[in-house]
C-alpha atoms as a PDB file:
ATOM      1  CA  MET A   1      -4.077 125.536  35.924  1.00  0.00           C
ATOM      2  CA  THR A   2      -5.650 126.438  39.264  1.00  0.00           C
ATOM      3  CA  ASN A   3      -7.553 123.790  41.176  1.00  0.00           C
ATOM      4  CA  VAL A   4     -11.135 125.073  40.997  1.00  0.00           C
ATOM      5  CA  HIS A   5     -12.027 123.185  44.185  1.00  0.00           C
ATOM      6  CA  ASN A   6      -9.341 124.924  46.274  1.00  0.00           C
ATOM      7  CA  GLU A   7     -11.216 127.163  48.720  1.00  0.00           C
ATOM      8  CA  GLU A   8      -8.092 129.171  49.526  1.00  0.00           C
ATOM      9  CA  ALA A   9      -7.518 130.018  45.856  1.00  0.00           C
ATOM     10  CA  ASN A  10     -11.243 130.627  45.256  1.00  0.00           C
ATOM     11  CA  PRO A  11     -12.757 132.560  48.172  1.00  0.00           C
ATOM     12  CA  LEU A  12     -16.167 132.489  46.486  1.00  0.00           C
ATOM     13  CA  LEU A  13     -16.341 128.761  47.293  1.00  0.00           C
ATOM     14  CA  ARG A  14     -16.694 129.397  51.003  1.00  0.00           C
ATOM     15  CA  SER A  15     -19.323 127.284  52.651  1.00  0.00           C
ATOM     16  CA  LEU A  16     -22.295 128.774  54.426  1.00  0.00           C
ATOM     17  CA  TRP A  17     -21.114 126.879  57.502  1.00  0.00           C
ATOM     18  CA  ASP A  18     -17.911 128.971  57.495  1.00  0.00           C
ATOM     19  CA  GLU A  19     -20.014 132.037  58.279  1.00  0.00           C
ATOM     20  CA  SER A  20     -21.407 133.203  61.615  1.00  0.00           C
ATOM     21  CA  GLU A  21     -24.641 131.680  62.883  1.00  0.00           C
ATOM     22  CA  GLU A  22     -26.285 135.087  62.510  1.00  0.00           C
ATOM     23  CA  PHE A  23     -25.335 135.269  58.835  1.00  0.00           C
ATOM     24  CA  GLN A  24     -26.408 131.648  58.280  1.00  0.00           C
ATOM     25  CA  ALA A  25     -29.876 132.368  59.661  1.00  0.00           C
ATOM     26  CA  GLU A  26     -30.197 135.509  57.532  1.00  0.00           C
ATOM     27  CA  ALA A  27     -29.016 133.747  54.383  1.00  0.00           C
ATOM     28  CA  LEU A  28     -31.369 130.799  54.842  1.00  0.00           C
ATOM     29  CA  ARG A  29     -34.268 133.140  55.516  1.00  0.00           C
ATOM     30  CA  ASP A  30     -33.678 135.897  52.938  1.00  0.00           C
ATOM     31  CA  TYR A  31     -31.591 134.504  50.070  1.00  0.00           C
ATOM     32  CA  TYR A  32     -32.782 132.575  47.060  1.00  0.00           C
ATOM     33  CA  LYS A  33     -31.666 128.958  47.084  1.00  0.00           C
ATOM     34  CA  VAL A  34     -30.460 127.357  43.857  1.00  0.00           C
ATOM     35  CA  THR A  35     -29.427 123.797  43.146  1.00  0.00           C
ATOM     36  CA  PHE A  36     -27.361 122.733  40.164  1.00  0.00           C
ATOM     37  CA  VAL A  37     -27.551 119.103  39.143  1.00  0.00           C
ATOM     38  CA  ARG A  38     -25.180 117.413  36.717  1.00  0.00           C
ATOM     39  CA  ASN A  39     -26.286 114.608  34.485  1.00  0.00           C
ATOM     40  CA  PRO A  40     -25.389 111.492  36.523  1.00  0.00           C
ATOM     41  CA  LEU A  41     -24.001 109.647  33.485  1.00  0.00           C
ATOM     42  CA  VAL A  42     -21.751 112.561  32.557  1.00  0.00           C
ATOM     43  CA  ARG A  43     -20.622 112.725  36.178  1.00  0.00           C
ATOM     44  CA  LEU A  44     -19.852 108.987  36.162  1.00  0.00           C
ATOM     45  CA  VAL A  45     -17.689 109.293  33.028  1.00  0.00           C
ATOM     46  CA  SER A  46     -15.963 112.364  34.467  1.00  0.00           C
ATOM     47  CA  GLY A  47     -15.228 110.529  37.720  1.00  0.00           C
ATOM     48  CA  TYR A  48     -13.778 107.575  35.838  1.00  0.00           C
ATOM     49  CA  ARG A  49     -11.543 109.772  33.697  1.00  0.00           C
ATOM     50  CA  ASN A  50     -10.317 111.991  36.531  1.00  0.00           C
ATOM     51  CA  LYS A  51     -10.002 109.478  39.366  1.00  0.00           C
ATOM     52  CA  ILE A  52      -9.068 106.252  37.591  1.00  0.00           C
ATOM     53  CA  VAL A  53      -7.527 107.000  34.182  1.00  0.00           C
ATOM     54  CA  ARG A  54      -5.688 110.318  34.300  1.00  0.00           C
ATOM     55  CA  ASN A  55      -4.108 110.769  37.694  1.00  0.00           C
ATOM     56  CA  PRO A  56      -5.289 108.374  40.385  1.00  0.00           C
ATOM     57  CA  ARG A  57      -4.280 109.336  43.929  1.00  0.00           C
ATOM     58  CA  ASP A  58      -4.897 108.433  47.520  1.00  0.00           C
ATOM     59  CA  HIS A  59      -7.804 106.067  48.068  1.00  0.00           C
ATOM     60  CA  TYR A  60      -8.473 105.793  44.317  1.00  0.00           C
ATOM     61  CA  LEU A  61      -5.297 103.727  44.066  1.00  0.00           C
ATOM     62  CA  ILE A  62      -6.858 101.286  46.526  1.00  0.00           C
ATOM     63  CA  ILE A  63     -10.052 101.217  44.454  1.00  0.00           C
ATOM     64  CA  ILE A  64      -8.036 100.387  41.333  1.00  0.00           C
ATOM     65  CA  GLN A  65      -6.339  97.540  43.198  1.00  0.00           C
ATOM     66  CA  GLU A  66      -9.726  96.244  44.391  1.00  0.00           C
ATOM     67  CA  ILE A  67     -11.063  96.252  40.834  1.00  0.00           C
ATOM     68  CA  ILE A  68      -7.963  94.438  39.581  1.00  0.00           C
ATOM     69  CA  ALA A  69      -8.336  91.879  42.396  1.00  0.00           C
ATOM     70  CA  ASN A  70     -11.985  91.313  41.443  1.00  0.00           C
ATOM     71  CA  TYR A  71     -11.114  90.594  37.801  1.00  0.00           C
ATOM     72  CA  TYR A  72      -7.574  89.219  37.860  1.00  0.00           C
ATOM     73  CA  GLY A  73      -6.974  87.976  41.401  1.00  0.00           C
ATOM     74  CA  THR A  74      -5.242  89.220  44.501  1.00  0.00           C
ATOM     75  CA  ASN A  75      -1.767  88.454  43.168  1.00  0.00           C
ATOM     76  CA  ALA A  76      -2.271  90.751  40.173  1.00  0.00           C
ATOM     77  CA  ALA A  77      -3.559  93.522  42.438  1.00  0.00           C
ATOM     78  CA  LEU A  78      -0.572  93.211  44.774  1.00  0.00           C
ATOM     79  CA  HIS A  79       1.824  93.641  41.849  1.00  0.00           C
ATOM     80  CA  TRP A  80       0.003  96.590  40.288  1.00  0.00           C
ATOM     81  CA  LEU A  81       1.718  99.950  40.703  1.00  0.00           C
ATOM     82  CA  PRO A  82       0.452 103.426  39.763  1.00  0.00           C
ATOM     83  CA  ARG A  83       3.225 103.769  37.189  1.00  0.00           C
ATOM     84  CA  HIS A  84       1.713 100.863  35.235  1.00  0.00           C
ATOM     85  CA  LYS A  85      -0.264 102.012  32.248  1.00  0.00           C
ATOM     86  CA  TYR A  86      -3.055  99.506  32.863  1.00  0.00           C
ATOM     87  CA  ARG A  87      -6.243 100.955  34.295  1.00  0.00           C
ATOM     88  CA  PRO A  88      -9.558  99.169  34.844  1.00  0.00           C
ATOM     89  CA  SER A  89     -12.025  99.544  31.983  1.00  0.00           C
ATOM     90  CA  PHE A  90     -15.057 101.782  32.322  1.00  0.00           C
ATOM     91  CA  GLU A  91     -17.231  98.649  32.445  1.00  0.00           C
ATOM     92  CA  GLN A  92     -15.145  97.234  35.304  1.00  0.00           C
ATOM     93  CA  PHE A  93     -15.340 100.569  37.142  1.00  0.00           C
ATOM     94  CA  VAL A  94     -19.132 100.711  36.846  1.00  0.00           C
ATOM     95  CA  SER A  95     -19.458  97.065  37.925  1.00  0.00           C
ATOM     96  CA  TYR A  96     -17.318  97.840  40.980  1.00  0.00           C
ATOM     97  CA  LEU A  97     -19.568 100.756  41.912  1.00  0.00           C
ATOM     98  CA  LEU A  98     -22.741  98.696  41.459  1.00  0.00           C
ATOM     99  CA  GLU A  99     -21.352  95.841  43.558  1.00  0.00           C
ATOM    100  CA  GLY A 100     -20.901  98.310  46.413  1.00  0.00           C
ATOM    101  CA  GLU A 101     -24.640  98.954  46.391  1.00  0.00           C
ATOM    102  CA  ARG A 102     -25.511  95.355  47.247  1.00  0.00           C
END
């Protein structure tokens, strides 16, 4: 399956900022602008599934360790490895996100 976010594999995903300043000005002046908005709750569940449950990578591994530390202590977080089947619950994930807002 192709990564739909890969700009090299999907040239239609080019950003306006990748174009010349002349084209940018023309596009902003003459083109219709459209915004697509996803339901924030659906996006939250999708983020949890993709970044925490299925295949966590990079800084999401650190987030998982932070959530584990919050609920089970630093020692548990230090011993957690990506190969472990345990993942934070959706409730723990949402609580982690809301704590970041404070």
